[in-house]
Amino acid sequence: MREEALKQRIKGDTHSPGMYRGYVPLQNIDAFYDAFEITETDGMYLTPENRIKIW
């Protein structure tokens, strides 16, 4: 997808772009880190203060 099309989709679509749907939500779930032993050296690691908390 071209950058301009992606920008338009992000502005108007309530869903995440497909390339992010599979892993980005997991990065914000603390249990994910425990279950898969994700550490600071892993590419998917987000510091606890950068994880989104909705509830």
PDB file of N, CA and C in Angstrom:
ATOM      1  N   MET A   1       0.842  -1.167   0.000  1.00  0.00           N
ATOM      2  CA  MET A   1       0.000   0.000   0.000  1.00  0.00           C
ATOM      3  C   MET A   1       0.897   1.243   0.000  1.00  0.00           C
ATOM      4  N   ARG A   2       0.544   2.176  -0.813  1.00  0.00           N
ATOM      5  CA  ARG A   2       1.330   3.412  -0.866  1.00  0.00           C
ATOM      6  C   ARG A   2       1.078   4.246   0.387  1.00  0.00           C
ATOM      7  N   GLU A   3       2.054   5.078   0.710  1.00  0.00           N
ATOM      8  CA  GLU A   3       2.000   5.876   1.939  1.00  0.00           C
ATOM      9  C   GLU A   3       0.767   6.774   1.999  1.00  0.00           C
ATOM     10  N   GLU A   4       0.426   7.418   0.898  1.00  0.00           N
ATOM     11  CA  GLU A   4      -0.747   8.301   0.881  1.00  0.00           C
ATOM     12  C   GLU A   4      -2.039   7.518   1.118  1.00  0.00           C
ATOM     13  N   ALA A   5      -2.147   6.348   0.519  1.00  0.00           N
ATOM     14  CA  ALA A   5      -3.337   5.516   0.718  1.00  0.00           C
ATOM     15  C   ALA A   5      -3.423   5.058   2.166  1.00  0.00           C
ATOM     16  N   LEU A   6      -2.297   4.709   2.758  1.00  0.00           N
ATOM     17  CA  LEU A   6      -2.268   4.295   4.152  1.00  0.00           C
ATOM     18  C   LEU A   6      -2.712   5.435   5.065  1.00  0.00           C
ATOM     19  N   LYS A   7      -2.236   6.632   4.803  1.00  0.00           N
ATOM     20  CA  LYS A   7      -2.639   7.799   5.606  1.00  0.00           C
ATOM     21  C   LYS A   7      -4.146   8.013   5.527  1.00  0.00           C
ATOM     22  N   GLN A   8      -4.706   7.906   4.349  1.00  0.00           N
ATOM     23  CA  GLN A   8      -6.148   8.081   4.170  1.00  0.00           C
ATOM     24  C   GLN A   8      -6.928   7.003   4.931  1.00  0.00           C
ATOM     25  N   ARG A   9      -6.450   5.786   4.848  1.00  0.00           N
ATOM     26  CA  ARG A   9      -7.131   4.684   5.521  1.00  0.00           C
ATOM     27  C   ARG A   9      -7.087   4.870   7.038  1.00  0.00           C
ATOM     28  N   ILE A  10      -5.953   5.301   7.559  1.00  0.00           N
ATOM     29  CA  ILE A  10      -5.818   5.510   8.996  1.00  0.00           C
ATOM     30  C   ILE A  10      -6.777   6.596   9.473  1.00  0.00           C
ATOM     31  N   LYS A  11      -6.930   7.637   8.675  1.00  0.00           N
ATOM     32  CA  LYS A  11      -7.819   8.744   9.042  1.00  0.00           C
ATOM     33  C   LYS A  11      -9.290   8.348   8.995  1.00  0.00           C
ATOM     34  N   GLY A  12      -9.678   7.457   8.103  1.00  0.00           N
ATOM     35  CA  GLY A  12     -11.088   7.195   7.890  1.00  0.00           C
ATOM     36  C   GLY A  12     -11.599   5.829   8.287  1.00  0.00           C
ATOM     37  N   ASP A  13     -10.724   4.890   8.574  1.00  0.00           N
ATOM     38  CA  ASP A  13     -11.143   3.527   8.890  1.00  0.00           C
ATOM     39  C   ASP A  13     -10.962   3.283  10.385  1.00  0.00           C
ATOM     40  N   THR A  14     -11.947   2.679  11.016  1.00  0.00           N
ATOM     41  CA  THR A  14     -11.864   2.419  12.457  1.00  0.00           C
ATOM     42  C   THR A  14     -10.953   1.238  12.776  1.00  0.00           C
ATOM     43  N   HIS A  15     -10.591   0.451  11.792  1.00  0.00           N
ATOM     44  CA  HIS A  15      -9.739  -0.717  12.005  1.00  0.00           C
ATOM     45  C   HIS A  15      -8.265  -0.376  11.779  1.00  0.00           C
ATOM     46  N   SER A  16      -7.409  -1.085  12.470  1.00  0.00           N
ATOM     47  CA  SER A  16      -5.974  -0.931  12.269  1.00  0.00           C
ATOM     48  C   SER A  16      -5.603  -1.453  10.887  1.00  0.00           C
ATOM     49  N   PRO A  17      -4.551  -0.918  10.306  1.00  0.00           N
ATOM     50  CA  PRO A  17      -4.070  -1.499   9.049  1.00  0.00           C
ATOM     51  C   PRO A  17      -3.696  -2.968   9.272  1.00  0.00           C
ATOM     52  N   GLY A  18      -3.952  -3.790   8.299  1.00  0.00           N
ATOM     53  CA  GLY A  18      -3.740  -5.228   8.420  1.00  0.00           C
ATOM     54  C   GLY A  18      -2.356  -5.624   8.895  1.00  0.00           C
ATOM     55  N   MET A  19      -1.341  -4.877   8.482  1.00  0.00           N
ATOM     56  CA  MET A  19       0.027  -5.235   8.850  1.00  0.00           C
ATOM     57  C   MET A  19       0.302  -5.064  10.339  1.00  0.00           C
ATOM     58  N   TYR A  20      -0.588  -4.380  11.068  1.00  0.00           N
ATOM     59  CA  TYR A  20      -0.384  -4.166  12.503  1.00  0.00           C
ATOM     60  C   TYR A  20      -1.362  -4.938  13.383  1.00  0.00           C
ATOM     61  N   ARG A  21      -2.408  -5.480  12.813  1.00  0.00           N
ATOM     62  CA  ARG A  21      -3.449  -6.131  13.607  1.00  0.00           C
ATOM     63  C   ARG A  21      -2.982  -7.334  14.396  1.00  0.00           C
ATOM     64  N   GLY A  22      -2.005  -8.057  13.886  1.00  0.00           N
ATOM     65  CA  GLY A  22      -1.586  -9.302  14.516  1.00  0.00           C
ATOM     66  C   GLY A  22      -0.679  -9.156  15.714  1.00  0.00           C
ATOM     67  N   TYR A  23       0.180  -8.164  15.707  1.00  0.00           N
ATOM     68  CA  TYR A  23       1.165  -8.112  16.788  1.00  0.00           C
ATOM     69  C   TYR A  23       1.094  -6.866  17.670  1.00  0.00           C
ATOM     70  N   VAL A  24       0.649  -5.741  17.162  1.00  0.00           N
ATOM     71  CA  VAL A  24       0.650  -4.522  17.979  1.00  0.00           C
ATOM     72  C   VAL A  24      -0.250  -4.645  19.209  1.00  0.00           C
ATOM     73  N   PRO A  25      -1.453  -5.193  19.091  1.00  0.00           N
ATOM     74  CA  PRO A  25      -2.259  -5.331  20.313  1.00  0.00           C
ATOM     75  C   PRO A  25      -1.570  -6.189  21.378  1.00  0.00           C
ATOM     76  N   LEU A  26      -0.858  -7.219  20.954  1.00  0.00           N
ATOM     77  CA  LEU A  26      -0.172  -8.086  21.911  1.00  0.00           C
ATOM     78  C   LEU A  26       0.890  -7.339  22.693  1.00  0.00           C
ATOM     79  N   GLN A  27       1.524  -6.386  22.072  1.00  0.00           N
ATOM     80  CA  GLN A  27       2.589  -5.641  22.730  1.00  0.00           C
ATOM     81  C   GLN A  27       2.086  -4.848  23.935  1.00  0.00           C
ATOM     82  N   ASN A  28       0.799  -4.666  24.039  1.00  0.00           N
ATOM     83  CA  ASN A  28       0.226  -3.886  25.127  1.00  0.00           C
ATOM     84  C   ASN A  28      -0.379  -4.744  26.233  1.00  0.00           C
ATOM     85  N   ILE A  29      -0.237  -6.057  26.136  1.00  0.00           N
ATOM     86  CA  ILE A  29      -0.808  -6.985  27.116  1.00  0.00           C
ATOM     87  C   ILE A  29       0.318  -7.576  27.950  1.00  0.00           C
ATOM     88  N   ASP A  30       0.305  -7.276  29.237  1.00  0.00           N
ATOM     89  CA  ASP A  30       1.371  -7.747  30.126  1.00  0.00           C
ATOM     90  C   ASP A  30       1.496  -9.270  30.121  1.00  0.00           C
ATOM     91  N   ALA A  31       0.391  -9.985  30.067  1.00  0.00           N
ATOM     92  CA  ALA A  31       0.421 -11.449  30.083  1.00  0.00           C
ATOM     93  C   ALA A  31       1.164 -12.014  28.872  1.00  0.00           C
ATOM     94  N   PHE A  32       1.159 -11.307  27.766  1.00  0.00           N
ATOM     95  CA  PHE A  32       1.891 -11.722  26.572  1.00  0.00           C
ATOM     96  C   PHE A  32       3.385 -11.839  26.869  1.00  0.00           C
ATOM     97  N   TYR A  33       3.906 -10.895  27.611  1.00  0.00           N
ATOM     98  CA  TYR A  33       5.334 -10.892  27.951  1.00  0.00           C
ATOM     99  C   TYR A  33       5.683 -12.084  28.829  1.00  0.00           C
ATOM    100  N   ASP A  34       4.787 -12.405  29.758  1.00  0.00           N
ATOM    101  CA  ASP A  34       5.023 -13.549  30.638  1.00  0.00           C
ATOM    102  C   ASP A  34       4.900 -14.870  29.874  1.00  0.00           C
ATOM    103  N   ALA A  35       3.862 -14.986  29.060  1.00  0.00           N
ATOM    104  CA  ALA A  35       3.592 -16.239  28.356  1.00  0.00           C
ATOM    105  C   ALA A  35       4.705 -16.604  27.369  1.00  0.00           C
ATOM    106  N   PHE A  36       5.264 -15.609  26.711  1.00  0.00           N
ATOM    107  CA  PHE A  36       6.266 -15.877  25.688  1.00  0.00           C
ATOM    108  C   PHE A  36       7.670 -15.421  26.087  1.00  0.00           C
ATOM    109  N   GLU A  37       7.813 -15.079  27.349  1.00  0.00           N
ATOM    110  CA  GLU A  37       9.104 -14.671  27.908  1.00  0.00           C
ATOM    111  C   GLU A  37       9.779 -13.589  27.067  1.00  0.00           C
ATOM    112  N   ILE A  38       9.001 -12.571  26.729  1.00  0.00           N
ATOM    113  CA  ILE A  38       9.511 -11.438  25.965  1.00  0.00           C
ATOM    114  C   ILE A  38      10.337 -10.567  26.914  1.00  0.00           C
ATOM    115  N   THR A  39      11.539 -10.225  26.488  1.00  0.00           N
ATOM    116  CA  THR A  39      12.424  -9.404  27.317  1.00  0.00           C
ATOM    117  C   THR A  39      12.815  -8.131  26.577  1.00  0.00           C
ATOM    118  N   GLU A  40      13.555  -7.277  27.255  1.00  0.00           N
ATOM    119  CA  GLU A  40      13.965  -5.994  26.690  1.00  0.00           C
ATOM    120  C   GLU A  40      14.812  -6.140  25.426  1.00  0.00           C
ATOM    121  N   THR A  41      15.394  -7.294  25.220  1.00  0.00           N
ATOM    122  CA  THR A  41      16.232  -7.500  24.030  1.00  0.00           C
ATOM    123  C   THR A  41      15.432  -7.948  22.807  1.00  0.00           C
ATOM    124  N   ASP A  42      14.154  -8.246  22.974  1.00  0.00           N
ATOM    125  CA  ASP A  42      13.309  -8.698  21.870  1.00  0.00           C
ATOM    126  C   ASP A  42      12.714  -7.508  21.122  1.00  0.00           C
ATOM    127  N   GLY A  43      12.548  -7.675  19.826  1.00  0.00           N
ATOM    128  CA  GLY A  43      12.021  -6.613  18.978  1.00  0.00           C
ATOM    129  C   GLY A  43      10.603  -6.200  19.304  1.00  0.00           C
ATOM    130  N   MET A  44       9.824  -7.093  19.885  1.00  0.00           N
ATOM    131  CA  MET A  44       8.431  -6.775  20.194  1.00  0.00           C
ATOM    132  C   MET A  44       8.268  -6.112  21.554  1.00  0.00           C
ATOM    133  N   TYR A  45       9.330  -5.933  22.281  1.00  0.00           N
ATOM    134  CA  TYR A  45       9.256  -5.394  23.637  1.00  0.00           C
ATOM    135  C   TYR A  45       8.886  -3.919  23.644  1.00  0.00           C
ATOM    136  N   LEU A  46       7.919  -3.576  24.481  1.00  0.00           N
ATOM    137  CA  LEU A  46       7.598  -2.185  24.783  1.00  0.00           C
ATOM    138  C   LEU A  46       7.782  -2.000  26.282  1.00  0.00           C
ATOM    139  N   THR A  47       8.366  -0.898  26.680  1.00  0.00           N
ATOM    140  CA  THR A  47       8.512  -0.654  28.110  1.00  0.00           C
ATOM    141  C   THR A  47       7.121  -0.510  28.728  1.00  0.00           C
ATOM    142  N   PRO A  48       6.960  -0.913  29.969  1.00  0.00           N
ATOM    143  CA  PRO A  48       5.638  -0.846  30.606  1.00  0.00           C
ATOM    144  C   PRO A  48       4.991   0.542  30.526  1.00  0.00           C
ATOM    145  N   GLU A  49       5.767   1.584  30.628  1.00  0.00           N
ATOM    146  CA  GLU A  49       5.185   2.940  30.566  1.00  0.00           C
ATOM    147  C   GLU A  49       4.723   3.330  29.164  1.00  0.00           C
ATOM    148  N   ASN A  50       5.164   2.599  28.147  1.00  0.00           N
ATOM    149  CA  ASN A  50       4.733   2.857  26.774  1.00  0.00           C
ATOM    150  C   ASN A  50       3.604   1.942  26.311  1.00  0.00           C
ATOM    151  N   ARG A  51       3.174   1.029  27.168  1.00  0.00           N
ATOM    152  CA  ARG A  51       2.056   0.144  26.818  1.00  0.00           C
ATOM    153  C   ARG A  51       0.748   0.860  27.079  1.00  0.00           C
ATOM    154  N   ILE A  52      -0.174   0.689  26.167  1.00  0.00           N
ATOM    155  CA  ILE A  52      -1.472   1.347  26.269  1.00  0.00           C
ATOM    156  C   ILE A  52      -2.358   0.556  27.220  1.00  0.00           C
ATOM    157  N   LYS A  53      -2.981   1.240  28.145  1.00  0.00           N
ATOM    158  CA  LYS A  53      -3.932   0.647  29.086  1.00  0.00           C
ATOM    159  C   LYS A  53      -5.293   1.279  28.839  1.00  0.00           C
ATOM    160  N   ILE A  54      -6.258   0.477  28.458  1.00  0.00           N
ATOM    161  CA  ILE A  54      -7.596   1.005  28.179  1.00  0.00           C
ATOM    162  C   ILE A  54      -8.480   0.911  29.417  1.00  0.00           C
ATOM    163  N   TRP A  55      -8.420  -0.229  30.106  1.00  0.00           N
ATOM    164  CA  TRP A  55      -9.245  -0.397  31.291  1.00  0.00           C
ATOM    165  C   TRP A  55      -8.386  -0.520  32.501  1.00  0.00           C
TER     166      TRP A  55
END
